[in-house]
């Protein structure tokens, strides 16, 4: 991490990095773990019951060992040790899944309550019953499909962006300076979505590097909390409120800017208006042209598509090295351009 910051300070001293506006994005990178080594919570409970039944049967056989009724070459104690070891592993996996479920429930509960409050606020503002389905409250406890991987327990089953399948991944994040294309901050987590990754990534910017003026993020990061926390940090947020249409008619593109929303408007309404302003359009338009190419270069040119190390801490260190490698290549290009 120290070396990563030192490279950015060299860029700053050389005048090729003047931290201003950032673009944030994330991507899924395959963990050093196979999904064949994963077990779902439902299957875990089934295996636990099966092994407990076999242990009981083996204990009964052990009591009859003196009568000579055991199968040939069978070592009851060895079979018992094997199954008890597997039960211990399953118990550990079960405990981890239950802890994860408790943490996830608190996150989903907070998101649900925020949705309900926003829905109620919109109803009061529009003076009518809110349209659409009522948000569904989250369910506590592990779900049948929750996965635990015995090879790398810290990794998570996540959707692939390439084939829409699922595999063991980590969620990597980068904050890219829109002018220099340098990565000024990075982070890694095992969360399948990006909503809670914006603030940890921004907080990873070293104070010596500076504080950005603004940051552009896609709709996956949108939340009232992210907006408020970024503003509190002195960073002007430009976060998409939904997926942009691939084609916009000329009427939409050249429509006049509507009147500003009222003070009591929801954060989504205010942000949607902000992104329609000239400055909002200019900053957000650069997001795809800055951070997405950086991630593409890391995956396609550098060829980093899978971690070699296991565990959150080790994978985070490896991701730091990858970002450092990108910055060294980019800094060389920037400095060569000054000659």
Foldseek 3Di string as FASTA:
>chain_A
DVLLVVLLVVCVVVPLDDFAEKEKDKAWFAEPAWCVQKDFPQVLVVLLVVLVVVLVVLVVVVVCVVVVPDPPPDDSVVVNVVSVVVNVVSVVQQVVQLVVQQVVLVVQQVVLVQVQVQLVLVCVVVVHHGDDDRDDRDDGGGDRGFMAGPVFRQWGWEAHPPPRHTTTTKMKMFMARLRLLATQFIAIHRDRFCQPVPVVGQVRRDVVSHHYQEYEYECSNDDPVVCVVCVVSNYHYQYHVDDDDPDDDPCVVPPDQDDQDDPSRDPSSNNVSVCPDPVNVVSNVSNCVRPVVLVVCLCPVVNRRYDPDHDRVVSRVVVSVSSSVSSVVSSVVSVVVVD
